Amino acid sequence: MICHHGGLSRHDCFLIALPFLHLRAVVRRLLLRRLIVPAEVSRSRSRFFQDQLPLLLYTGRAHFFFRHKLRGARHVVLAAPPDGDGYADLVAMLDEQAQAGERTSSLCLFTKFDQFGLERALGAEAACDMVTGPKAAYLYA
């Protein structure tokens, strides 16, 4: 697991980024929440920005096709290392909150099979150390 941590505040808004649609279905079933209609997506994004919705699910597919600007995210949880420039876009959203004085963090879950995705985000040496290392968690500031 990769964790970038800047502290947690009382009113946290979590953005959970899911790279695969089948993960979204599993998480959605657990949370009993569906976003299908575009108006409902827009309404949920607005509620998330206004701190009325503490959790927002976001897929890599939605990011690839729509590039929504998800304001209000203070904490990002990645279910796997993102493909392409997804990580940079999500961290840029956190930078806006950090510049506004909010505490932010990002967490990336990974397995040994995600080494190539880790290499794209962190470089080959760091990815190899993380996949073969003895620790269960790695902290980057």
N, C-alpha and C. Protein backbone atom coordinates (compact mmCIF):
# COMPACT_ATOMS: atom_id res chain seq x y z
N MET A 1 0.84 -1.16 0.00
CA MET A 1 0.00 0.00 0.00
C MET A 1 0.89 1.22 0.00
N ILE A 2 0.58 2.23 -0.83
CA ILE A 2 1.28 3.51 -0.85
C ILE A 2 0.41 4.49 -0.09
N CYS A 3 0.97 5.25 0.78
CA CYS A 3 0.18 6.21 1.52
C CYS A 3 0.90 7.54 1.57
N HIS A 4 0.26 8.59 1.05
CA HIS A 4 0.76 9.96 1.19
C HIS A 4 -0.16 10.60 2.20
N HIS A 5 0.37 11.07 3.31
CA HIS A 5 -0.48 11.47 4.41
C HIS A 5 -0.13 12.88 4.85
N GLY A 6 -1.14 13.72 4.96
CA GLY A 6 -0.95 15.07 5.46
C GLY A 6 -1.80 15.31 6.69
N GLY A 7 -2.32 14.28 7.33
CA GLY A 7 -3.17 14.42 8.50
C GLY A 7 -4.64 14.33 8.11
N LEU A 8 -5.49 14.00 9.05
CA LEU A 8 -6.91 13.86 8.78
C LEU A 8 -7.69 14.91 9.57
N SER A 9 -8.69 15.51 8.94
CA SER A 9 -9.54 16.47 9.62
C SER A 9 -10.85 15.80 9.99
N ARG A 10 -11.70 16.53 10.67
CA ARG A 10 -12.95 15.96 11.14
C ARG A 10 -13.95 15.72 10.00
N HIS A 11 -14.00 16.63 9.05
CA HIS A 11 -14.94 16.53 7.93
C HIS A 11 -14.18 16.10 6.68
N ASP A 12 -13.97 14.81 6.56
CA ASP A 12 -13.18 14.28 5.45
C ASP A 12 -14.09 13.90 4.29
N CYS A 13 -13.64 14.19 3.09
CA CYS A 13 -14.34 13.78 1.87
C CYS A 13 -13.42 12.83 1.12
N PHE A 14 -13.84 11.59 0.97
CA PHE A 14 -13.02 10.57 0.34
C PHE A 14 -13.46 10.34 -1.09
N LEU A 15 -12.50 10.31 -1.99
CA LEU A 15 -12.73 9.93 -3.38
C LEU A 15 -12.10 8.57 -3.57
N ILE A 16 -12.89 7.56 -3.92
CA ILE A 16 -12.37 6.22 -4.14
C ILE A 16 -12.30 6.00 -5.64
N ALA A 17 -11.09 5.88 -6.15
CA ALA A 17 -10.86 5.69 -7.59
C ALA A 17 -10.69 4.20 -7.88
N LEU A 18 -11.57 3.68 -8.70
CA LEU A 18 -11.57 2.26 -9.04
C LEU A 18 -11.15 2.09 -10.49
N PRO A 19 -10.08 1.33 -10.75
CA PRO A 19 -9.59 1.22 -12.12
C PRO A 19 -10.43 0.32 -13.01
N PHE A 20 -11.15 -0.59 -12.45
CA PHE A 20 -11.89 -1.57 -13.25
C PHE A 20 -13.37 -1.52 -12.92
N LEU A 21 -14.21 -1.73 -13.93
CA LEU A 21 -15.65 -1.67 -13.72
C LEU A 21 -16.14 -2.75 -12.77
N HIS A 22 -15.53 -3.94 -12.81
CA HIS A 22 -16.02 -5.00 -11.92
C HIS A 22 -15.77 -4.64 -10.46
N LEU A 23 -14.73 -3.88 -10.17
CA LEU A 23 -14.52 -3.42 -8.80
C LEU A 23 -15.60 -2.43 -8.38
N ARG A 24 -16.01 -1.59 -9.34
CA ARG A 24 -17.06 -0.62 -9.03
C ARG A 24 -18.35 -1.35 -8.67
N ALA A 25 -18.67 -2.41 -9.39
CA ALA A 25 -19.89 -3.16 -9.11
C ALA A 25 -19.84 -3.77 -7.72
N VAL A 26 -18.69 -4.29 -7.33
CA VAL A 26 -18.56 -4.89 -6.00
C VAL A 26 -18.70 -3.83 -4.92
N VAL A 27 -17.99 -2.72 -5.07
CA VAL A 27 -18.05 -1.66 -4.06
C VAL A 27 -19.43 -1.03 -4.03
N ARG A 28 -20.03 -0.82 -5.19
CA ARG A 28 -21.36 -0.23 -5.26
C ARG A 28 -22.37 -1.13 -4.55
N ARG A 29 -22.25 -2.44 -4.74
CA ARG A 29 -23.15 -3.37 -4.08
C ARG A 29 -22.97 -3.29 -2.56
N LEU A 30 -21.74 -3.09 -2.13
CA LEU A 30 -21.49 -2.97 -0.69
C LEU A 30 -22.06 -1.67 -0.13
N LEU A 31 -21.98 -0.60 -0.90
CA LEU A 31 -22.45 0.71 -0.43
C LEU A 31 -23.90 1.00 -0.80
N LEU A 32 -24.51 0.15 -1.63
CA LEU A 32 -25.90 0.29 -2.05
C LEU A 32 -26.18 1.66 -2.66
N ARG A 33 -25.32 2.11 -3.56
CA ARG A 33 -25.50 3.42 -4.19
C ARG A 33 -25.14 3.29 -5.66
N ARG A 34 -25.99 3.79 -6.57
CA ARG A 34 -25.73 3.73 -8.00
C ARG A 34 -25.81 5.12 -8.60
N LEU A 35 -24.94 5.39 -9.54
CA LEU A 35 -24.99 6.63 -10.30
C LEU A 35 -25.12 6.25 -11.77
N ILE A 36 -26.28 6.48 -12.34
CA ILE A 36 -26.49 6.10 -13.72
C ILE A 36 -26.83 7.33 -14.57
N VAL A 37 -27.78 8.11 -14.12
CA VAL A 37 -28.27 9.26 -14.88
C VAL A 37 -27.26 10.40 -14.79
N PRO A 38 -26.92 11.06 -15.91
CA PRO A 38 -25.95 12.17 -15.87
C PRO A 38 -26.33 13.27 -14.89
N ALA A 39 -27.62 13.56 -14.74
CA ALA A 39 -28.04 14.58 -13.78
C ALA A 39 -27.70 14.15 -12.36
N GLU A 40 -27.82 12.87 -12.09
CA GLU A 40 -27.49 12.37 -10.75
C GLU A 40 -25.99 12.43 -10.51
N VAL A 41 -25.21 12.20 -11.55
CA VAL A 41 -23.75 12.32 -11.43
C VAL A 41 -23.40 13.76 -11.10
N SER A 42 -23.98 14.70 -11.81
CA SER A 42 -23.72 16.12 -11.57
C SER A 42 -24.16 16.52 -10.17
N ARG A 43 -25.31 16.07 -9.75
CA ARG A 43 -25.82 16.37 -8.41
C ARG A 43 -24.89 15.80 -7.34
N SER A 44 -24.41 14.60 -7.54
CA SER A 44 -23.51 13.98 -6.57
C SER A 44 -22.17 14.71 -6.50
N ARG A 45 -21.66 15.15 -7.65
CA ARG A 45 -20.41 15.91 -7.65
C ARG A 45 -20.59 17.21 -6.88
N SER A 46 -21.72 17.86 -7.04
CA SER A 46 -22.00 19.11 -6.34
C SER A 46 -22.12 18.86 -4.83
N ARG A 47 -22.82 17.82 -4.45
CA ARG A 47 -22.95 17.48 -3.02
C ARG A 47 -21.60 17.13 -2.41
N PHE A 48 -20.77 16.45 -3.18
CA PHE A 48 -19.43 16.09 -2.70
C PHE A 48 -18.61 17.35 -2.44
N PHE A 49 -18.69 18.33 -3.34
CA PHE A 49 -17.95 19.58 -3.18
C PHE A 49 -18.45 20.37 -1.97
N GLN A 50 -19.75 20.29 -1.69
CA GLN A 50 -20.33 21.05 -0.58
C GLN A 50 -20.29 20.28 0.74
N ASP A 51 -19.55 19.21 0.81
CA ASP A 51 -19.40 18.38 2.03
C ASP A 51 -20.70 17.74 2.49
N GLN A 52 -21.66 17.56 1.60
CA GLN A 52 -22.90 16.88 1.95
C GLN A 52 -22.81 15.38 1.65
N LEU A 53 -21.83 15.01 0.86
CA LEU A 53 -21.62 13.61 0.47
C LEU A 53 -20.18 13.26 0.81
N PRO A 54 -19.96 12.39 1.81
CA PRO A 54 -18.59 12.14 2.27
C PRO A 54 -17.78 11.16 1.41
N LEU A 55 -18.45 10.45 0.49
CA LEU A 55 -17.77 9.41 -0.26
C LEU A 55 -18.24 9.44 -1.72
N LEU A 56 -17.29 9.41 -2.64
CA LEU A 56 -17.63 9.42 -4.06
C LEU A 56 -16.82 8.34 -4.75
N LEU A 57 -17.50 7.45 -5.50
CA LEU A 57 -16.82 6.43 -6.28
C LEU A 57 -16.53 6.98 -7.67
N TYR A 58 -15.33 6.72 -8.17
CA TYR A 58 -14.92 7.27 -9.45
C TYR A 58 -14.11 6.20 -10.17
N THR A 59 -14.50 5.86 -11.39
CA THR A 59 -13.80 4.80 -12.11
C THR A 59 -12.77 5.38 -13.06
N GLY A 60 -11.79 4.57 -13.41
CA GLY A 60 -10.80 4.96 -14.40
C GLY A 60 -11.45 5.22 -15.75
N ARG A 61 -12.50 4.49 -16.05
CA ARG A 61 -13.21 4.68 -17.32
C ARG A 61 -13.87 6.05 -17.36
N ALA A 62 -14.52 6.44 -16.26
CA ALA A 62 -15.14 7.77 -16.20
C ALA A 62 -14.08 8.86 -16.33
N HIS A 63 -12.94 8.65 -15.71
CA HIS A 63 -11.86 9.64 -15.80
C HIS A 63 -11.33 9.73 -17.23
N PHE A 64 -11.18 8.61 -17.88
CA PHE A 64 -10.65 8.59 -19.24
C PHE A 64 -11.58 9.30 -20.21
N PHE A 65 -12.89 9.04 -20.10
CA PHE A 65 -13.83 9.59 -21.06
C PHE A 65 -14.33 11.00 -20.73
N PHE A 66 -14.47 11.31 -19.44
CA PHE A 66 -15.11 12.58 -19.08
C PHE A 66 -14.19 13.60 -18.42
N ARG A 67 -13.14 13.15 -17.74
CA ARG A 67 -12.19 14.06 -17.06
C ARG A 67 -12.92 15.05 -16.16
N HIS A 68 -13.81 14.53 -15.32
CA HIS A 68 -14.53 15.39 -14.38
C HIS A 68 -13.55 16.08 -13.45
N LYS A 69 -13.82 17.33 -13.15
CA LYS A 69 -13.04 18.03 -12.14
C LYS A 69 -13.78 17.82 -10.83
N LEU A 70 -13.24 16.99 -9.97
CA LEU A 70 -13.90 16.62 -8.73
C LEU A 70 -13.35 17.47 -7.59
N ARG A 71 -13.96 18.60 -7.40
CA ARG A 71 -13.53 19.50 -6.34
C ARG A 71 -14.04 18.99 -5.00
N GLY A 72 -13.30 19.27 -3.97
CA GLY A 72 -13.71 18.90 -2.62
C GLY A 72 -13.06 17.64 -2.10
N ALA A 73 -12.35 16.91 -2.93
CA ALA A 73 -11.71 15.67 -2.47
C ALA A 73 -10.53 16.02 -1.58
N ARG A 74 -10.55 15.53 -0.37
CA ARG A 74 -9.44 15.74 0.55
C ARG A 74 -8.57 14.49 0.68
N HIS A 75 -9.18 13.36 0.42
CA HIS A 75 -8.48 12.09 0.53
C HIS A 75 -8.85 11.23 -0.67
N VAL A 76 -7.84 10.66 -1.31
CA VAL A 76 -8.07 9.82 -2.49
C VAL A 76 -7.58 8.42 -2.17
N VAL A 77 -8.43 7.43 -2.42
CA VAL A 77 -8.07 6.02 -2.25
C VAL A 77 -8.08 5.39 -3.63
N LEU A 78 -6.94 4.87 -4.06
CA LEU A 78 -6.83 4.20 -5.35
C LEU A 78 -6.84 2.69 -5.11
N ALA A 79 -7.78 1.98 -5.72
CA ALA A 79 -7.88 0.54 -5.52
C ALA A 79 -6.75 -0.21 -6.22
N ALA A 80 -6.04 0.44 -7.12
CA ALA A 80 -4.88 -0.11 -7.82
C ALA A 80 -4.12 1.06 -8.43
N PRO A 81 -2.85 0.89 -8.76
CA PRO A 81 -2.13 1.98 -9.41
C PRO A 81 -2.83 2.37 -10.71
N PRO A 82 -3.02 3.67 -10.94
CA PRO A 82 -3.76 4.09 -12.14
C PRO A 82 -2.94 3.94 -13.41
N ASP A 83 -3.63 3.82 -14.52
CA ASP A 83 -2.99 3.78 -15.83
C ASP A 83 -2.87 5.21 -16.36
N GLY A 84 -1.87 5.45 -17.17
CA GLY A 84 -1.72 6.75 -17.82
C GLY A 84 -1.47 7.87 -16.84
N ASP A 85 -2.11 9.01 -17.09
CA ASP A 85 -1.89 10.19 -16.27
C ASP A 85 -2.94 10.34 -15.18
N GLY A 86 -3.66 9.28 -14.86
CA GLY A 86 -4.71 9.35 -13.85
C GLY A 86 -4.22 9.78 -12.48
N TYR A 87 -3.06 9.28 -12.07
CA TYR A 87 -2.54 9.62 -10.75
C TYR A 87 -2.21 11.11 -10.67
N ALA A 88 -1.60 11.65 -11.71
CA ALA A 88 -1.25 13.07 -11.71
C ALA A 88 -2.50 13.95 -11.62
N ASP A 89 -3.56 13.56 -12.33
CA ASP A 89 -4.79 14.33 -12.28
C ASP A 89 -5.43 14.29 -10.90
N LEU A 90 -5.45 13.12 -10.27
CA LEU A 90 -6.05 13.00 -8.95
C LEU A 90 -5.24 13.75 -7.89
N VAL A 91 -3.93 13.69 -7.99
CA VAL A 91 -3.09 14.41 -7.03
C VAL A 91 -3.21 15.92 -7.23
N ALA A 92 -3.42 16.35 -8.48
CA ALA A 92 -3.62 17.78 -8.75
C ALA A 92 -4.88 18.28 -8.03
N MET A 93 -5.91 17.43 -7.96
CA MET A 93 -7.12 17.81 -7.22
C MET A 93 -6.81 17.98 -5.74
N LEU A 94 -5.93 17.12 -5.21
CA LEU A 94 -5.55 17.25 -3.80
C LEU A 94 -4.72 18.50 -3.57
N ASP A 95 -3.89 18.88 -4.55
CA ASP A 95 -3.07 20.08 -4.41
C ASP A 95 -3.92 21.33 -4.24
N GLU A 96 -5.07 21.39 -4.94
CA GLU A 96 -5.97 22.53 -4.78
C GLU A 96 -6.45 22.64 -3.35
N GLN A 97 -6.81 21.50 -2.75
CA GLN A 97 -7.28 21.52 -1.36
C GLN A 97 -6.15 21.86 -0.40
N ALA A 98 -4.95 21.35 -0.67
CA ALA A 98 -3.81 21.63 0.19
C ALA A 98 -3.45 23.12 0.15
N GLN A 99 -3.56 23.74 -1.01
CA GLN A 99 -3.28 25.17 -1.11
C GLN A 99 -4.32 26.00 -0.39
N ALA A 100 -5.53 25.46 -0.25
CA ALA A 100 -6.59 26.15 0.48
C ALA A 100 -6.47 25.93 1.98
N GLY A 101 -5.44 25.22 2.42
CA GLY A 101 -5.22 24.99 3.84
C GLY A 101 -5.82 23.72 4.39
N GLU A 102 -6.38 22.88 3.54
CA GLU A 102 -6.97 21.61 3.98
C GLU A 102 -5.87 20.54 4.09
N ARG A 103 -6.09 19.59 4.97
CA ARG A 103 -5.18 18.44 5.07
C ARG A 103 -5.63 17.40 4.07
N THR A 104 -4.67 16.83 3.34
CA THR A 104 -4.99 15.88 2.29
C THR A 104 -4.16 14.61 2.44
N SER A 105 -4.63 13.54 1.80
CA SER A 105 -3.87 12.30 1.77
C SER A 105 -4.28 11.49 0.55
N SER A 106 -3.40 10.60 0.13
CA SER A 106 -3.75 9.66 -0.93
C SER A 106 -3.23 8.29 -0.53
N LEU A 107 -4.01 7.27 -0.84
CA LEU A 107 -3.70 5.90 -0.49
C LEU A 107 -3.86 5.06 -1.73
N CYS A 108 -2.86 4.24 -2.05
CA CYS A 108 -2.92 3.36 -3.21
C CYS A 108 -2.70 1.94 -2.75
N LEU A 109 -3.66 1.07 -3.02
CA LEU A 109 -3.53 -0.34 -2.70
C LEU A 109 -2.90 -1.05 -3.88
N PHE A 110 -2.01 -1.99 -3.63
CA PHE A 110 -1.37 -2.70 -4.73
C PHE A 110 -0.99 -4.10 -4.31
N THR A 111 -0.76 -4.95 -5.31
CA THR A 111 -0.25 -6.30 -5.10
C THR A 111 1.04 -6.44 -5.90
N LYS A 112 1.66 -7.60 -5.82
CA LYS A 112 2.89 -7.81 -6.58
C LYS A 112 2.63 -7.79 -8.09
N PHE A 113 1.39 -8.00 -8.49
CA PHE A 113 1.04 -8.00 -9.91
C PHE A 113 0.88 -6.58 -10.48
N ASP A 114 0.93 -5.57 -9.62
CA ASP A 114 0.79 -4.18 -10.04
C ASP A 114 2.13 -3.48 -10.21
N GLN A 115 3.20 -4.22 -10.35
CA GLN A 115 4.53 -3.63 -10.40
C GLN A 115 4.68 -2.64 -11.55
N PHE A 116 4.13 -2.95 -12.73
CA PHE A 116 4.28 -2.04 -13.87
C PHE A 116 3.54 -0.72 -13.62
N GLY A 117 2.38 -0.80 -13.00
CA GLY A 117 1.65 0.42 -12.65
C GLY A 117 2.41 1.25 -11.63
N LEU A 118 3.04 0.59 -10.68
CA LEU A 118 3.86 1.30 -9.69
C LEU A 118 5.07 1.94 -10.35
N GLU A 119 5.65 1.26 -11.32
CA GLU A 119 6.81 1.82 -12.02
C GLU A 119 6.44 3.11 -12.74
N ARG A 120 5.25 3.16 -13.32
CA ARG A 120 4.82 4.38 -14.02
C ARG A 120 4.66 5.54 -13.04
N ALA A 121 4.21 5.24 -11.83
CA ALA A 121 3.96 6.31 -10.86
C ALA A 121 5.21 6.69 -10.07
N LEU A 122 6.06 5.72 -9.72
CA LEU A 122 7.16 5.98 -8.80
C LEU A 122 8.55 5.73 -9.35
N GLY A 123 8.65 5.03 -10.46
CA GLY A 123 9.95 4.66 -11.00
C GLY A 123 10.23 3.19 -10.74
N ALA A 124 11.14 2.63 -11.54
CA ALA A 124 11.41 1.19 -11.50
C ALA A 124 12.03 0.76 -10.18
N GLU A 125 12.98 1.51 -9.67
CA GLU A 125 13.67 1.10 -8.45
C GLU A 125 12.74 1.09 -7.24
N ALA A 126 11.95 2.16 -7.08
CA ALA A 126 11.02 2.23 -5.94
C ALA A 126 9.96 1.14 -6.04
N ALA A 127 9.46 0.88 -7.25
CA ALA A 127 8.45 -0.16 -7.43
C ALA A 127 8.99 -1.53 -7.08
N CYS A 128 10.21 -1.83 -7.51
CA CYS A 128 10.83 -3.11 -7.20
C CYS A 128 11.03 -3.27 -5.70
N ASP A 129 11.49 -2.20 -5.04
CA ASP A 129 11.67 -2.24 -3.59
C ASP A 129 10.36 -2.49 -2.87
N MET A 130 9.28 -1.87 -3.36
CA MET A 130 7.99 -2.03 -2.69
C MET A 130 7.41 -3.42 -2.88
N VAL A 131 7.52 -3.96 -4.08
CA VAL A 131 6.93 -5.26 -4.36
C VAL A 131 7.70 -6.38 -3.65
N THR A 132 9.02 -6.26 -3.58
CA THR A 132 9.83 -7.33 -2.97
C THR A 132 10.18 -7.04 -1.52
N GLY A 133 9.84 -5.86 -1.03
CA GLY A 133 10.21 -5.47 0.33
C GLY A 133 9.38 -6.18 1.39
N PRO A 134 9.89 -6.19 2.62
CA PRO A 134 9.21 -6.90 3.70
C PRO A 134 8.06 -6.11 4.33
N LYS A 135 7.97 -4.81 4.09
CA LYS A 135 6.96 -3.98 4.75
C LYS A 135 5.59 -4.17 4.09
N ALA A 136 4.55 -3.94 4.89
CA ALA A 136 3.19 -4.03 4.37
C ALA A 136 2.68 -2.67 3.91
N ALA A 137 3.31 -1.57 4.33
CA ALA A 137 2.88 -0.23 3.96
C ALA A 137 4.11 0.65 3.70
N TYR A 138 3.95 1.58 2.76
CA TYR A 138 5.03 2.51 2.42
C TYR A 138 4.46 3.91 2.47
N LEU A 139 5.19 4.84 3.06
CA LEU A 139 4.74 6.20 3.22
C LEU A 139 5.61 7.13 2.40
N TYR A 140 4.96 7.94 1.56
CA TYR A 140 5.65 8.95 0.76
C TYR A 140 5.07 10.30 1.07
N ALA A 141 5.91 11.29 1.27
CA ALA A 141 5.42 12.64 1.57
C ALA A 141 5.68 13.56 0.41
